[in-house]
Structure formats: structure tokens, C-alpha cells
Amino acid sequence: MISVLVVDDHPVVLTGLSALIDSDPQLEVFGVARSAAAALEATADGGPAVAVLDLHLPDGDGIGLGVQIKRRWPATRVLLLTMHADDATVIRSLTSGLDGYLLKDADPEDVLAAVHSAAGGSLVVGRSVSAAVIAAARAAPRTDALGRLDARDLEILELLVDGLPVGQVASRLYLAPKTVRNRISEMLGKLGVATRDEAISLARAAGLRKS
């Protein structure tokens, strides 16, 4: 069975998608959530095979949530749920390491097919996306490089995203400034970037924020 997490803040959409998932004998509902916080709580002890996430949530962004889920459970495939497949959203979702998107007005059979395709390892893109946009997304740097960082790296990067200088980062984490600088240098190599600003930009694109 393919387990599916459904996240949407609209009760009608949440109920409809859950019923649709349950109607497929090869799929099962892993859980439902109406917020990013609830989705992270639902995946605290295990990840679904596929997560279908609304783009706009009351306490966050579906892309950022997807990155957090995939960082926690790398095997989980994440599909973005959106009303409009604008080019910027498609590019940002794909370069963030997500596995595709669904349109809310898609036919039920297309939604089920997308979930199966994602679970099988395929990249899912809507019919309205041009080949040029897909090519641009694939050519852009992928922010899923954050998955190469360990917990301490992420703590440091989150504080840098918040604008703290190295000295304050060191103080906050009870580390020596030299240790933090060394960790940052190693982090740049893991991310494949040359400067601290590039690392911060990469983290912001992936929705990394200090909670």
C-alpha cells in the first residue's frame, strides 16, 4: 500500500482528497492536516510514501513544509497542491527538491495517477507547464542540497538566515567563533556554493527559517 499524507486548510478539499485516496485500493491515507505545524506533528515518528501539500497554509508555505518533510524523511515524495501553476511556483518547487505539483482543478483520475507516478519515482508536472519552464527548473541550482547538512549545520544556517553574525551564532549555540567559522566553511562545500550569502539565499529559497 502507498501511504499518502494530505495537507490543506480547506475542509472540503481535505475531505475530498482523502476520500479520493481511500477510493484507490493501492492507496491509503497516512494522515490529514490543516496546517504546517499539524503536518510536521503527523510526520514526527514516520513519513508517508507521498505527501500532497497545499501551497498556501495558514502558518506557512507548502514548499517550505515539503523541504522540511523531505529533510526529515528523504524517501517521502512531495507533491505541491496549487490552484494556479505559475512559472515561478513551478521553478521554485522543483529547485527546492519537491517532486511535482497538482492542480486543484485536475480530474480525479489525474490526481490518482500523479500520486502513483510520484510514488514510483517520477517527476510530476502539470500539462500547462511549458518545456522551457521545466528546462529552466532543471538547470537551476537545487536547494535540496540542504539534505547534506547535519543537525548542527542546520542550526548554524538557520541563525545566519535570521541575520545573526558569527559571534552571536557562536554565543547562541555555546560554540567558539572559530568553530562556527570552520563549520560554515565545511557547510559551503556541502552545499556547493562559494559564499555565506549564497548559502543563506539557498536556505531562504528552501523555506528554512528559525522557528
C-alpha atoms as a PDB file:
ATOM      1  CA  MET A   1       0.000   0.000   0.000  1.00  0.00           C
ATOM      2  CA  ILE A   2       1.105   3.544  -0.774  1.00  0.00           C
ATOM      3  CA  SER A   3       0.576   5.836   2.213  1.00  0.00           C
ATOM      4  CA  VAL A   4      -0.440   9.433   1.455  1.00  0.00           C
ATOM      5  CA  LEU A   5      -0.430  12.481   3.729  1.00  0.00           C
ATOM      6  CA  VAL A   6      -2.933  15.166   2.681  1.00  0.00           C
ATOM      7  CA  VAL A   7      -2.397  18.750   3.865  1.00  0.00           C
ATOM      8  CA  ASP A   8      -4.870  21.517   3.050  1.00  0.00           C
ATOM      9  CA  ASP A   9      -6.527  24.179   5.178  1.00  0.00           C
ATOM     10  CA  HIS A  10      -9.843  23.957   3.305  1.00  0.00           C
ATOM     11  CA  PRO A  11     -12.053  21.252   4.888  1.00  0.00           C
ATOM     12  CA  VAL A  12     -13.895  20.478   1.638  1.00  0.00           C
ATOM     13  CA  VAL A  13     -10.646  19.930  -0.286  1.00  0.00           C
ATOM     14  CA  LEU A  14      -9.157  17.929   2.582  1.00  0.00           C
ATOM     15  CA  THR A  15     -12.209  15.688   2.823  1.00  0.00           C
ATOM     16  CA  GLY A  16     -12.489  15.271  -0.947  1.00  0.00           C
ATOM     17  CA  LEU A  17      -8.837  14.363  -1.441  1.00  0.00           C
ATOM     18  CA  SER A  18      -8.899  11.945   1.473  1.00  0.00           C
ATOM     19  CA  ALA A  19     -11.983  10.204   0.055  1.00  0.00           C
ATOM     20  CA  LEU A  20     -10.347  10.045  -3.364  1.00  0.00           C
ATOM     21  CA  ILE A  21      -7.215   8.461  -1.902  1.00  0.00           C
ATOM     22  CA  ASP A  22      -9.310   5.925   0.003  1.00  0.00           C
ATOM     23  CA  SER A  23     -11.161   5.004  -3.189  1.00  0.00           C
ATOM     24  CA  ASP A  24      -7.959   3.577  -4.709  1.00  0.00           C
ATOM     25  CA  PRO A  25      -7.237   0.059  -3.414  1.00  0.00           C
ATOM     26  CA  GLN A  26      -3.478   0.655  -3.713  1.00  0.00           C
ATOM     27  CA  LEU A  27      -3.503   3.865  -1.671  1.00  0.00           C
ATOM     28  CA  GLU A  28      -4.207   4.620   1.961  1.00  0.00           C
ATOM     29  CA  VAL A  29      -4.486   7.877   3.894  1.00  0.00           C
ATOM     30  CA  PHE A  30      -1.454   8.224   6.160  1.00  0.00           C
ATOM     31  CA  GLY A  31      -2.956  11.263   7.829  1.00  0.00           C
ATOM     32  CA  VAL A  32      -4.556  14.646   7.226  1.00  0.00           C
ATOM     33  CA  ALA A  33      -3.544  18.099   8.423  1.00  0.00           C
ATOM     34  CA  ARG A  34      -4.821  21.646   8.014  1.00  0.00           C
ATOM     35  CA  SER A  35      -1.564  23.436   8.860  1.00  0.00           C
ATOM     36  CA  ALA A  36       2.195  23.077   8.523  1.00  0.00           C
ATOM     37  CA  ALA A  37       2.532  22.533  12.267  1.00  0.00           C
ATOM     38  CA  ALA A  38      -0.032  19.728  12.206  1.00  0.00           C
ATOM     39  CA  ALA A  39       1.697  18.135   9.210  1.00  0.00           C
ATOM     40  CA  LEU A  40       5.062  18.143  10.992  1.00  0.00           C
ATOM     41  CA  GLU A  41       3.424  16.631  14.069  1.00  0.00           C
ATOM     42  CA  ALA A  42       1.833  13.928  11.902  1.00  0.00           C
ATOM     43  CA  THR A  43       5.249  13.021  10.497  1.00  0.00           C
ATOM     44  CA  ALA A  44       7.154  13.157  13.773  1.00  0.00           C
ATOM     45  CA  ASP A  45       7.558   9.391  14.045  1.00  0.00           C
ATOM     46  CA  GLY A  46       7.413   8.312  10.411  1.00  0.00           C
ATOM     47  CA  GLY A  47       6.950   9.560   6.896  1.00  0.00           C
ATOM     48  CA  PRO A  48       4.360   8.714   4.242  1.00  0.00           C
ATOM     49  CA  ALA A  49       5.271   7.443   0.802  1.00  0.00           C
ATOM     50  CA  VAL A  50       3.715  10.577  -0.712  1.00  0.00           C
ATOM     51  CA  ALA A  51       2.729  13.925   0.783  1.00  0.00           C
ATOM     52  CA  VAL A  52       0.268  16.161  -1.073  1.00  0.00           C
ATOM     53  CA  LEU A  53       0.661  19.708   0.262  1.00  0.00           C
ATOM     54  CA  ASP A  54      -1.353  22.841  -0.344  1.00  0.00           C
ATOM     55  CA  LEU A  55       0.786  25.776  -1.466  1.00  0.00           C
ATOM     56  CA  HIS A  56      -0.835  28.293   0.890  1.00  0.00           C
ATOM     57  CA  LEU A  57      -1.222  27.248   4.521  1.00  0.00           C
ATOM     58  CA  PRO A  58      -2.273  29.402   7.463  1.00  0.00           C
ATOM     59  CA  ASP A  59       1.096  29.047   9.182  1.00  0.00           C
ATOM     60  CA  GLY A  60       3.498  28.559   6.324  1.00  0.00           C
ATOM     61  CA  ASP A  61       4.279  27.761   2.744  1.00  0.00           C
ATOM     62  CA  GLY A  62       3.785  24.349   1.154  1.00  0.00           C
ATOM     63  CA  ILE A  63       7.187  24.426  -0.494  1.00  0.00           C
ATOM     64  CA  GLY A  64       8.985  25.147   2.759  1.00  0.00           C
ATOM     65  CA  LEU A  65       6.939  22.469   4.505  1.00  0.00           C
ATOM     66  CA  GLY A  66       7.805  19.977   1.782  1.00  0.00           C
ATOM     67  CA  VAL A  67      11.500  20.688   2.230  1.00  0.00           C
ATOM     68  CA  GLN A  68      11.198  20.089   5.975  1.00  0.00           C
ATOM     69  CA  ILE A  69       9.351  16.804   5.472  1.00  0.00           C
ATOM     70  CA  LYS A  70      11.886  15.574   2.910  1.00  0.00           C
ATOM     71  CA  ARG A  71      14.749  16.594   5.171  1.00  0.00           C
ATOM     72  CA  ARG A  72      13.168  14.516   7.934  1.00  0.00           C
ATOM     73  CA  TRP A  73      12.107  11.608   5.692  1.00  0.00           C
ATOM     74  CA  PRO A  74      14.164  11.650   2.447  1.00  0.00           C
ATOM     75  CA  ALA A  75      12.208   8.766   0.918  1.00  0.00           C
ATOM     76  CA  THR A  76       8.923  10.701   1.058  1.00  0.00           C
ATOM     77  CA  ARG A  77       7.808  12.066  -2.306  1.00  0.00           C
ATOM     78  CA  VAL A  78       6.201  15.509  -2.115  1.00  0.00           C
ATOM     79  CA  LEU A  79       3.614  16.957  -4.485  1.00  0.00           C
ATOM     80  CA  LEU A  80       2.609  20.604  -4.278  1.00  0.00           C
ATOM     81  CA  LEU A  81      -1.116  21.330  -4.447  1.00  0.00           C
ATOM     82  CA  THR A  82      -1.876  24.652  -6.124  1.00  0.00           C
ATOM     83  CA  MET A  83      -4.713  26.486  -7.788  1.00  0.00           C
ATOM     84  CA  HIS A  84      -2.507  28.165 -10.379  1.00  0.00           C
ATOM     85  CA  ALA A  85       0.659  26.680 -11.871  1.00  0.00           C
ATOM     86  CA  ASP A  86       2.559  29.918 -12.455  1.00  0.00           C
ATOM     87  CA  ASP A  87       6.084  29.580 -13.781  1.00  0.00           C
ATOM     88  CA  ALA A  88       7.757  30.967 -10.656  1.00  0.00           C
ATOM     89  CA  THR A  89       5.982  28.481  -8.390  1.00  0.00           C
ATOM     90  CA  VAL A  90       6.858  25.545 -10.627  1.00  0.00           C
ATOM     91  CA  ILE A  91      10.529  26.530 -10.791  1.00  0.00           C
ATOM     92  CA  ARG A  92      10.743  27.184  -7.058  1.00  0.00           C
ATOM     93  CA  SER A  93       9.058  23.885  -6.170  1.00  0.00           C
ATOM     94  CA  LEU A  94      11.295  21.813  -8.437  1.00  0.00           C
ATOM     95  CA  THR A  95      14.526  23.555  -7.469  1.00  0.00           C
ATOM     96  CA  SER A  96      13.591  23.085  -3.808  1.00  0.00           C
ATOM     97  CA  GLY A  97      13.682  19.351  -4.357  1.00  0.00           C
ATOM     98  CA  LEU A  98       9.942  18.670  -4.449  1.00  0.00           C
ATOM     99  CA  ASP A  99       8.661  16.001  -6.794  1.00  0.00           C
ATOM    100  CA  GLY A 100       6.000  17.886  -8.716  1.00  0.00           C
ATOM    101  CA  TYR A 101       2.687  19.611  -8.304  1.00  0.00           C
ATOM    102  CA  LEU A 102      -1.027  19.017  -8.704  1.00  0.00           C
ATOM    103  CA  LEU A 103      -3.647  21.457  -9.886  1.00  0.00           C
ATOM    104  CA  LYS A 104      -6.718  21.655  -7.683  1.00  0.00           C
ATOM    105  CA  ASP A 105      -8.971  21.522 -10.725  1.00  0.00           C
ATOM    106  CA  ALA A 106      -7.372  18.330 -12.081  1.00  0.00           C
ATOM    107  CA  ASP A 107      -9.614  15.365 -12.845  1.00  0.00           C
ATOM    108  CA  PRO A 108      -9.748  12.775 -10.023  1.00  0.00           C
ATOM    109  CA  GLU A 109      -8.119  10.109 -12.180  1.00  0.00           C
ATOM    110  CA  ASP A 110      -5.263  12.505 -12.972  1.00  0.00           C
ATOM    111  CA  VAL A 111      -4.725  13.169  -9.267  1.00  0.00           C
ATOM    112  CA  LEU A 112      -4.533   9.455  -8.526  1.00  0.00           C
ATOM    113  CA  ALA A 113      -2.190   8.926 -11.464  1.00  0.00           C
ATOM    114  CA  ALA A 114       0.050  11.736 -10.190  1.00  0.00           C
ATOM    115  CA  VAL A 115       0.267  10.148  -6.735  1.00  0.00           C
ATOM    116  CA  HIS A 116       1.146   6.770  -8.237  1.00  0.00           C
ATOM    117  CA  SER A 117       3.736   8.348 -10.540  1.00  0.00           C
ATOM    118  CA  ALA A 118       5.354  10.236  -7.696  1.00  0.00           C
ATOM    119  CA  ALA A 119       5.443   7.125  -5.522  1.00  0.00           C
ATOM    120  CA  GLY A 120       7.169   5.333  -8.385  1.00  0.00           C
ATOM    121  CA  GLY A 121       9.902   7.962  -8.544  1.00  0.00           C
ATOM    122  CA  SER A 122       8.663  10.051 -11.477  1.00  0.00           C
ATOM    123  CA  LEU A 123       8.651  13.834 -11.599  1.00  0.00           C
ATOM    124  CA  VAL A 124       5.054  15.071 -11.854  1.00  0.00           C
ATOM    125  CA  VAL A 125       4.352  18.291 -13.756  1.00  0.00           C
ATOM    126  CA  GLY A 126       1.064  19.733 -14.925  1.00  0.00           C
ATOM    127  CA  ARG A 127       0.091  19.777 -18.561  1.00  0.00           C
ATOM    128  CA  SER A 128       0.083  23.572 -18.599  1.00  0.00           C
ATOM    129  CA  VAL A 129       3.798  23.855 -17.831  1.00  0.00           C
ATOM    130  CA  SER A 130       5.905  24.614 -20.869  1.00  0.00           C
ATOM    131  CA  ALA A 131       9.016  22.658 -21.782  1.00  0.00           C
ATOM    132  CA  ALA A 132      11.019  25.863 -21.361  1.00  0.00           C
ATOM    133  CA  VAL A 133       9.916  26.259 -17.737  1.00  0.00           C
ATOM    134  CA  ILE A 134      10.747  22.634 -16.937  1.00  0.00           C
ATOM    135  CA  ALA A 135      14.157  23.055 -18.565  1.00  0.00           C
ATOM    136  CA  ALA A 136      14.790  26.243 -16.562  1.00  0.00           C
ATOM    137  CA  ALA A 137      13.862  24.483 -13.326  1.00  0.00           C
ATOM    138  CA  ARG A 138      16.172  21.581 -14.045  1.00  0.00           C
ATOM    139  CA  ALA A 139      19.033  23.929 -14.922  1.00  0.00           C
ATOM    140  CA  ALA A 140      18.705  25.966 -11.716  1.00  0.00           C
ATOM    141  CA  PRO A 141      20.614  25.072  -8.533  1.00  0.00           C
ATOM    142  CA  ARG A 142      18.667  22.586  -6.395  1.00  0.00           C
ATOM    143  CA  THR A 143      18.029  23.681  -2.834  1.00  0.00           C
ATOM    144  CA  ASP A 144      17.586  20.080  -1.705  1.00  0.00           C
ATOM    145  CA  ALA A 145      21.345  20.210  -1.136  1.00  0.00           C
ATOM    146  CA  LEU A 146      20.289  21.166   2.395  1.00  0.00           C
ATOM    147  CA  GLY A 147      19.712  17.471   2.924  1.00  0.00           C
ATOM    148  CA  ARG A 148      23.506  17.066   3.022  1.00  0.00           C
ATOM    149  CA  LEU A 149      23.730  19.124   6.208  1.00  0.00           C
ATOM    150  CA  ASP A 150      23.666  17.643   9.685  1.00  0.00           C
ATOM    151  CA  ALA A 151      21.638  18.983  12.608  1.00  0.00           C
ATOM    152  CA  ARG A 152      24.380  21.336  13.825  1.00  0.00           C
ATOM    153  CA  ASP A 153      24.930  22.722  10.319  1.00  0.00           C
ATOM    154  CA  LEU A 154      21.206  23.482  10.075  1.00  0.00           C
ATOM    155  CA  GLU A 155      21.193  25.220  13.456  1.00  0.00           C
ATOM    156  CA  ILE A 156      24.028  27.475  12.320  1.00  0.00           C
ATOM    157  CA  LEU A 157      22.438  28.140   8.939  1.00  0.00           C
ATOM    158  CA  GLU A 158      19.064  28.990  10.498  1.00  0.00           C
ATOM    159  CA  LEU A 159      20.730  31.616  12.691  1.00  0.00           C
ATOM    160  CA  LEU A 160      22.615  33.036   9.714  1.00  0.00           C
ATOM    161  CA  VAL A 161      19.316  33.278   7.828  1.00  0.00           C
ATOM    162  CA  ASP A 162      17.965  35.226  10.808  1.00  0.00           C
ATOM    163  CA  GLY A 163      20.785  37.731  10.268  1.00  0.00           C
ATOM    164  CA  LEU A 164      22.982  36.893  13.252  1.00  0.00           C
ATOM    165  CA  PRO A 165      26.732  37.490  12.859  1.00  0.00           C
ATOM    166  CA  VAL A 166      29.189  34.693  13.587  1.00  0.00           C
ATOM    167  CA  GLY A 167      29.891  35.918  17.117  1.00  0.00           C
ATOM    168  CA  GLN A 168      26.222  35.827  18.091  1.00  0.00           C
ATOM    169  CA  VAL A 169      25.740  32.447  16.409  1.00  0.00           C
ATOM    170  CA  ALA A 170      28.625  31.098  18.470  1.00  0.00           C
ATOM    171  CA  SER A 171      27.209  32.569  21.673  1.00  0.00           C
ATOM    172  CA  ARG A 172      23.717  31.242  20.989  1.00  0.00           C
ATOM    173  CA  LEU A 173      24.999  27.691  20.355  1.00  0.00           C
ATOM    174  CA  TYR A 174      27.707  27.775  23.059  1.00  0.00           C
ATOM    175  CA  LEU A 175      30.470  27.292  20.493  1.00  0.00           C
ATOM    176  CA  ALA A 176      33.752  29.073  19.865  1.00  0.00           C
ATOM    177  CA  PRO A 177      33.606  31.597  16.970  1.00  0.00           C
ATOM    178  CA  LYS A 178      36.442  29.716  15.264  1.00  0.00           C
ATOM    179  CA  THR A 179      34.404  26.509  15.433  1.00  0.00           C
ATOM    180  CA  VAL A 180      31.437  28.247  13.819  1.00  0.00           C
ATOM    181  CA  ARG A 181      33.619  29.700  11.054  1.00  0.00           C
ATOM    182  CA  ASN A 182      35.086  26.256  10.367  1.00  0.00           C
ATOM    183  CA  ARG A 183      31.606  24.713  10.269  1.00  0.00           C
ATOM    184  CA  ILE A 184      30.457  27.389   7.838  1.00  0.00           C
ATOM    185  CA  SER A 185      33.412  26.677   5.534  1.00  0.00           C
ATOM    186  CA  GLU A 186      32.572  22.964   5.554  1.00  0.00           C
ATOM    187  CA  MET A 187      28.903  23.788   5.004  1.00  0.00           C
ATOM    188  CA  LEU A 188      29.678  25.798   1.860  1.00  0.00           C
ATOM    189  CA  GLY A 189      31.381  22.751   0.394  1.00  0.00           C
ATOM    190  CA  LYS A 190      28.429  20.522   1.223  1.00  0.00           C
ATOM    191  CA  LEU A 191      26.036  22.975  -0.421  1.00  0.00           C
ATOM    192  CA  GLY A 192      28.219  23.544  -3.466  1.00  0.00           C
ATOM    193  CA  VAL A 193      28.318  27.329  -3.025  1.00  0.00           C
ATOM    194  CA  ALA A 194      31.208  29.746  -2.681  1.00  0.00           C
ATOM    195  CA  THR A 195      29.998  32.319  -0.163  1.00  0.00           C
ATOM    196  CA  ARG A 196      27.957  32.609   3.022  1.00  0.00           C
ATOM    197  CA  ASP A 197      25.449  34.846   1.227  1.00  0.00           C
ATOM    198  CA  GLU A 198      24.856  32.148  -1.385  1.00  0.00           C
ATOM    199  CA  ALA A 199      24.217  29.607   1.369  1.00  0.00           C
ATOM    200  CA  ILE A 200      21.734  31.958   3.013  1.00  0.00           C
ATOM    201  CA  SER A 201      19.949  32.551  -0.304  1.00  0.00           C
ATOM    202  CA  LEU A 202      19.755  28.804  -0.875  1.00  0.00           C
ATOM    203  CA  ALA A 203      18.281  28.294   2.588  1.00  0.00           C
ATOM    204  CA  ARG A 204      15.718  31.040   2.102  1.00  0.00           C
ATOM    205  CA  ALA A 205      14.637  29.574  -1.237  1.00  0.00           C
ATOM    206  CA  ALA A 206      14.059  26.270   0.532  1.00  0.00           C
ATOM    207  CA  GLY A 207      11.904  27.946   3.173  1.00  0.00           C
ATOM    208  CA  LEU A 208      14.412  27.465   6.001  1.00  0.00           C
ATOM    209  CA  ARG A 209      13.505  29.708   8.894  1.00  0.00           C
ATOM    210  CA  LYS A 210      14.268  29.721  12.589  1.00  0.00           C
ATOM    211  CA  SER A 211      11.074  28.559  14.357  1.00  0.00           C
END
